[in-house]
């Protein structure tokens, strides 16, 4: 088992409840290793939850001496504008506006209507060139064709 998998296993043991999940675990760097853990939750993530996970995982990493050299360690929540990485993040963001970039680089913005294991459905906002009217078109996009999805932040 590699270092990232070992760290992920430790993090999973210290998640305070089932609503929290790991988005990503990274361990990289040439001279100094940087360990980054990104968490999300079905109902969001509190600073207290991040602090608890950080404290417990950091303690266990030191006790097990998994990393022999100096390293930096950060636990954070999935940020605004960060791409969705996990299926649970898509489910959590149903009814929100998203920007989907497909594998061929075409982009669509619209409301995320539903999520299955194979695809997402969005109400895409289609605007014809030279026209002001926006048409809403329901689109089914397979996960295999999604390069990136980002939740669009609205300040209304």
C-alpha atoms as a PDB file:
ATOM      1  CA  UNK A   1       0.000   0.000   0.000  1.00  0.00           C
ATOM      2  CA  UNK A   2       1.428   3.380  -1.060  1.00  0.00           C
ATOM      3  CA  UNK A   3       1.735   6.438   1.161  1.00  0.00           C
ATOM      4  CA  UNK A   4      -1.393   8.161  -0.224  1.00  0.00           C
ATOM      5  CA  UNK A   5      -3.488   5.028   0.344  1.00  0.00           C
ATOM      6  CA  UNK A   6      -2.157   4.700   3.901  1.00  0.00           C
ATOM      7  CA  UNK A   7      -2.964   8.347   4.653  1.00  0.00           C
ATOM      8  CA  UNK A   8      -6.431   7.949   3.139  1.00  0.00           C
ATOM      9  CA  UNK A   9      -7.056   4.928   5.354  1.00  0.00           C
ATOM     10  CA  UNK A  10      -6.027   6.915   8.444  1.00  0.00           C
ATOM     11  CA  UNK A  11      -8.267   9.838   7.466  1.00  0.00           C
ATOM     12  CA  UNK A  12     -11.261   7.516   6.962  1.00  0.00           C
ATOM     13  CA  UNK A  13     -10.833   6.253  10.533  1.00  0.00           C
ATOM     14  CA  UNK A  14     -10.969   9.794  11.914  1.00  0.00           C
ATOM     15  CA  UNK A  15     -13.946  11.232  10.022  1.00  0.00           C
ATOM     16  CA  UNK A  16     -16.361  12.376  12.760  1.00  0.00           C
ATOM     17  CA  UNK A  17     -19.500  11.104  10.997  1.00  0.00           C
ATOM     18  CA  UNK A  18     -20.747   9.444   7.807  1.00  0.00           C
ATOM     19  CA  UNK A  19     -21.777  12.729   6.208  1.00  0.00           C
ATOM     20  CA  UNK A  20     -18.104  13.673   5.702  1.00  0.00           C
ATOM     21  CA  UNK A  21     -16.026  12.185   2.922  1.00  0.00           C
ATOM     22  CA  UNK A  22     -12.593  12.502   1.364  1.00  0.00           C
ATOM     23  CA  UNK A  23     -12.394  14.387  -1.915  1.00  0.00           C
ATOM     24  CA  UNK A  24      -8.660  14.043  -2.445  1.00  0.00           C
ATOM     25  CA  UNK A  25      -5.436  13.041  -0.714  1.00  0.00           C
ATOM     26  CA  UNK A  26      -2.157  14.242  -2.227  1.00  0.00           C
ATOM     27  CA  UNK A  27       1.423  13.707  -1.123  1.00  0.00           C
ATOM     28  CA  UNK A  28       3.943  15.396  -3.377  1.00  0.00           C
ATOM     29  CA  UNK A  29       7.064  17.480  -3.419  1.00  0.00           C
ATOM     30  CA  UNK A  30      10.746  17.160  -4.205  1.00  0.00           C
ATOM     31  CA  UNK A  31      12.705  18.641  -1.288  1.00  0.00           C
ATOM     32  CA  UNK A  32       9.883  18.760   1.226  1.00  0.00           C
ATOM     33  CA  UNK A  33       6.832  16.530   1.083  1.00  0.00           C
ATOM     34  CA  UNK A  34       3.475  18.298   1.184  1.00  0.00           C
ATOM     35  CA  UNK A  35       0.471  16.279   2.333  1.00  0.00           C
ATOM     36  CA  UNK A  36      -2.904  17.761   1.378  1.00  0.00           C
ATOM     37  CA  UNK A  37      -6.252  16.319   2.429  1.00  0.00           C
ATOM     38  CA  UNK A  38      -9.457  17.812   1.021  1.00  0.00           C
ATOM     39  CA  UNK A  39     -12.745  16.960   2.735  1.00  0.00           C
ATOM     40  CA  UNK A  40     -16.365  17.620   1.853  1.00  0.00           C
ATOM     41  CA  UNK A  41     -19.652  16.739   3.455  1.00  0.00           C
ATOM     42  CA  UNK A  42     -23.212  16.075   2.416  1.00  0.00           C
ATOM     43  CA  UNK A  43     -24.164  19.073   4.578  1.00  0.00           C
ATOM     44  CA  UNK A  44     -20.924  21.013   4.201  1.00  0.00           C
ATOM     45  CA  UNK A  45     -17.866  20.945   6.452  1.00  0.00           C
ATOM     46  CA  UNK A  46     -17.334  22.980   9.605  1.00  0.00           C
ATOM     47  CA  UNK A  47     -14.031  24.408  10.763  1.00  0.00           C
ATOM     48  CA  UNK A  48     -14.378  22.275  13.890  1.00  0.00           C
ATOM     49  CA  UNK A  49     -14.591  19.108  11.788  1.00  0.00           C
ATOM     50  CA  UNK A  50     -11.523  20.098   9.748  1.00  0.00           C
ATOM     51  CA  UNK A  51      -9.614  20.904  12.950  1.00  0.00           C
ATOM     52  CA  UNK A  52     -10.547  17.585  14.574  1.00  0.00           C
ATOM     53  CA  UNK A  53      -9.542  15.541  11.526  1.00  0.00           C
ATOM     54  CA  UNK A  54      -6.305  17.516  11.175  1.00  0.00           C
ATOM     55  CA  UNK A  55      -5.350  17.013  14.811  1.00  0.00           C
ATOM     56  CA  UNK A  56      -6.160  13.283  14.886  1.00  0.00           C
ATOM     57  CA  UNK A  57      -4.603  12.421  11.527  1.00  0.00           C
ATOM     58  CA  UNK A  58      -1.485  14.491  12.251  1.00  0.00           C
ATOM     59  CA  UNK A  59      -1.049  12.734  15.595  1.00  0.00           C
ATOM     60  CA  UNK A  60      -1.412   9.301  14.010  1.00  0.00           C
ATOM     61  CA  UNK A  61       0.983  10.102  11.151  1.00  0.00           C
ATOM     62  CA  UNK A  62       3.607  11.119  13.720  1.00  0.00           C
ATOM     63  CA  UNK A  63       2.975   8.051  15.904  1.00  0.00           C
ATOM     64  CA  UNK A  64       3.262   5.647  12.975  1.00  0.00           C
ATOM     65  CA  UNK A  65       6.258   7.513  11.545  1.00  0.00           C
ATOM     66  CA  UNK A  66       4.938   6.971   8.019  1.00  0.00           C
ATOM     67  CA  UNK A  67       6.876   9.973   6.743  1.00  0.00           C
ATOM     68  CA  UNK A  68      10.541   9.932   7.690  1.00  0.00           C
ATOM     69  CA  UNK A  69      11.563  13.362   6.363  1.00  0.00           C
ATOM     70  CA  UNK A  70      10.194  16.825   7.125  1.00  0.00           C
ATOM     71  CA  UNK A  71       6.786  17.471   5.654  1.00  0.00           C
ATOM     72  CA  UNK A  72       3.946  19.977   5.660  1.00  0.00           C
ATOM     73  CA  UNK A  73       0.439  18.819   6.350  1.00  0.00           C
ATOM     74  CA  UNK A  74      -2.857  20.511   5.515  1.00  0.00           C
ATOM     75  CA  UNK A  75      -6.466  19.465   5.928  1.00  0.00           C
ATOM     76  CA  UNK A  76      -9.028  21.688   4.237  1.00  0.00           C
ATOM     77  CA  UNK A  77     -12.567  21.656   2.899  1.00  0.00           C
ATOM     78  CA  UNK A  78     -13.428  21.669  -0.786  1.00  0.00           C
ATOM     79  CA  UNK A  79     -13.332  25.320  -1.800  1.00  0.00           C
ATOM     80  CA  UNK A  80     -15.709  27.441  -3.793  1.00  0.00           C
ATOM     81  CA  UNK A  81     -14.873  27.199  -7.456  1.00  0.00           C
ATOM     82  CA  UNK A  82     -13.008  23.911  -7.081  1.00  0.00           C
ATOM     83  CA  UNK A  83     -13.947  21.195  -9.593  1.00  0.00           C
ATOM     84  CA  UNK A  84     -16.225  18.420  -8.366  1.00  0.00           C
ATOM     85  CA  UNK A  85     -14.161  15.270  -7.900  1.00  0.00           C
ATOM     86  CA  UNK A  86     -16.483  12.746  -6.251  1.00  0.00           C
ATOM     87  CA  UNK A  87     -19.897  11.373  -7.185  1.00  0.00           C
ATOM     88  CA  UNK A  88     -21.201  12.476  -3.758  1.00  0.00           C
ATOM     89  CA  UNK A  89     -20.267  16.056  -4.590  1.00  0.00           C
ATOM     90  CA  UNK A  90     -22.479  15.930  -7.677  1.00  0.00           C
ATOM     91  CA  UNK A  91     -25.396  14.588  -5.622  1.00  0.00           C
ATOM     92  CA  UNK A  92     -24.854  17.271  -2.985  1.00  0.00           C
ATOM     93  CA  UNK A  93     -25.070  19.988  -5.654  1.00  0.00           C
ATOM     94  CA  UNK A  94     -28.298  18.944  -7.387  1.00  0.00           C
ATOM     95  CA  UNK A  95     -30.455  22.054  -8.027  1.00  0.00           C
ATOM     96  CA  UNK A  96     -27.389  24.314  -8.180  1.00  0.00           C
ATOM     97  CA  UNK A  97     -25.982  26.049 -11.235  1.00  0.00           C
ATOM     98  CA  UNK A  98     -22.884  24.336 -12.657  1.00  0.00           C
ATOM     99  CA  UNK A  99     -20.435  24.840 -15.508  1.00  0.00           C
ATOM    100  CA  UNK A 100     -19.601  21.562 -17.249  1.00  0.00           C
ATOM    101  CA  UNK A 101     -16.603  21.229 -19.556  1.00  0.00           C
ATOM    102  CA  UNK A 102     -16.809  18.211 -21.802  1.00  0.00           C
ATOM    103  CA  UNK A 103     -13.874  16.227 -23.140  1.00  0.00           C
ATOM    104  CA  UNK A 104     -14.033  18.100 -26.444  1.00  0.00           C
ATOM    105  CA  UNK A 105     -13.742  21.405 -24.500  1.00  0.00           C
ATOM    106  CA  UNK A 106     -17.357  22.493 -25.123  1.00  0.00           C
ATOM    107  CA  UNK A 107     -18.823  24.198 -22.058  1.00  0.00           C
ATOM    108  CA  UNK A 108     -22.372  24.303 -20.775  1.00  0.00           C
ATOM    109  CA  UNK A 109     -23.821  26.265 -17.878  1.00  0.00           C
ATOM    110  CA  UNK A 110     -27.081  25.240 -16.294  1.00  0.00           C
ATOM    111  CA  UNK A 111     -28.952  23.816 -13.356  1.00  0.00           C
ATOM    112  CA  UNK A 112     -27.864  20.342 -12.269  1.00  0.00           C
ATOM    113  CA  UNK A 113     -31.130  18.408 -12.277  1.00  0.00           C
ATOM    114  CA  UNK A 114     -30.126  14.829 -11.484  1.00  0.00           C
ATOM    115  CA  UNK A 115     -27.223  12.433 -11.047  1.00  0.00           C
ATOM    116  CA  UNK A 116     -26.987   8.702 -11.740  1.00  0.00           C
ATOM    117  CA  UNK A 117     -24.009   6.368 -11.612  1.00  0.00           C
ATOM    118  CA  UNK A 118     -23.446   6.903 -15.361  1.00  0.00           C
ATOM    119  CA  UNK A 119     -24.405  10.510 -16.116  1.00  0.00           C
ATOM    120  CA  UNK A 120     -25.714  13.896 -15.021  1.00  0.00           C
ATOM    121  CA  UNK A 121     -28.681  15.832 -16.383  1.00  0.00           C
ATOM    122  CA  UNK A 122     -28.541  19.616 -16.608  1.00  0.00           C
ATOM    123  CA  UNK A 123     -30.900  22.290 -17.860  1.00  0.00           C
ATOM    124  CA  UNK A 124     -28.311  23.969 -20.091  1.00  0.00           C
ATOM    125  CA  UNK A 125     -28.643  27.654 -20.917  1.00  0.00           C
ATOM    126  CA  UNK A 126     -28.228  27.882 -24.696  1.00  0.00           C
ATOM    127  CA  UNK A 127     -27.861  31.341 -26.232  1.00  0.00           C
ATOM    128  CA  UNK A 128     -27.838  31.726 -30.000  1.00  0.00           C
ATOM    129  CA  UNK A 129     -25.302  34.141 -31.427  1.00  0.00           C
ATOM    130  CA  UNK A 130     -26.733  37.598 -31.917  1.00  0.00           C
ATOM    131  CA  UNK A 131     -29.847  36.882 -29.853  1.00  0.00           C
ATOM    132  CA  UNK A 132     -30.598  37.922 -26.288  1.00  0.00           C
ATOM    133  CA  UNK A 133     -33.058  35.162 -25.475  1.00  0.00           C
ATOM    134  CA  UNK A 134     -31.667  32.161 -23.606  1.00  0.00           C
ATOM    135  CA  UNK A 135     -33.190  28.768 -24.370  1.00  0.00           C
ATOM    136  CA  UNK A 136     -33.139  26.012 -21.750  1.00  0.00           C
ATOM    137  CA  UNK A 137     -32.276  22.604 -23.132  1.00  0.00           C
ATOM    138  CA  UNK A 138     -32.172  19.441 -21.020  1.00  0.00           C
ATOM    139  CA  UNK A 139     -28.881  17.627 -21.579  1.00  0.00           C
ATOM    140  CA  UNK A 140     -27.707  14.229 -20.409  1.00  0.00           C
ATOM    141  CA  UNK A 141     -23.917  14.148 -20.098  1.00  0.00           C
ATOM    142  CA  UNK A 142     -22.110  10.877 -19.333  1.00  0.00           C
ATOM    143  CA  UNK A 143     -19.419  11.065 -16.634  1.00  0.00           C
ATOM    144  CA  UNK A 144     -17.027   9.545 -19.199  1.00  0.00           C
ATOM    145  CA  UNK A 145     -17.435  12.735 -21.276  1.00  0.00           C
ATOM    146  CA  UNK A 146     -16.979  15.219 -18.411  1.00  0.00           C
ATOM    147  CA  UNK A 147     -13.570  16.846 -18.157  1.00  0.00           C
ATOM    148  CA  UNK A 148     -14.544  19.181 -15.294  1.00  0.00           C
ATOM    149  CA  UNK A 149     -17.598  20.443 -13.423  1.00  0.00           C
ATOM    150  CA  UNK A 150     -17.558  23.542 -11.239  1.00  0.00           C
ATOM    151  CA  UNK A 151     -20.427  24.933  -9.153  1.00  0.00           C
ATOM    152  CA  UNK A 152     -21.211  28.483 -10.278  1.00  0.00           C
ATOM    153  CA  UNK A 153     -21.320  30.843  -7.328  1.00  0.00           C
ATOM    154  CA  UNK A 154     -24.303  33.167  -7.197  1.00  0.00           C
ATOM    155  CA  UNK A 155     -24.312  36.323  -5.066  1.00  0.00           C
ATOM    156  CA  UNK A 156     -28.015  37.106  -5.484  1.00  0.00           C
END
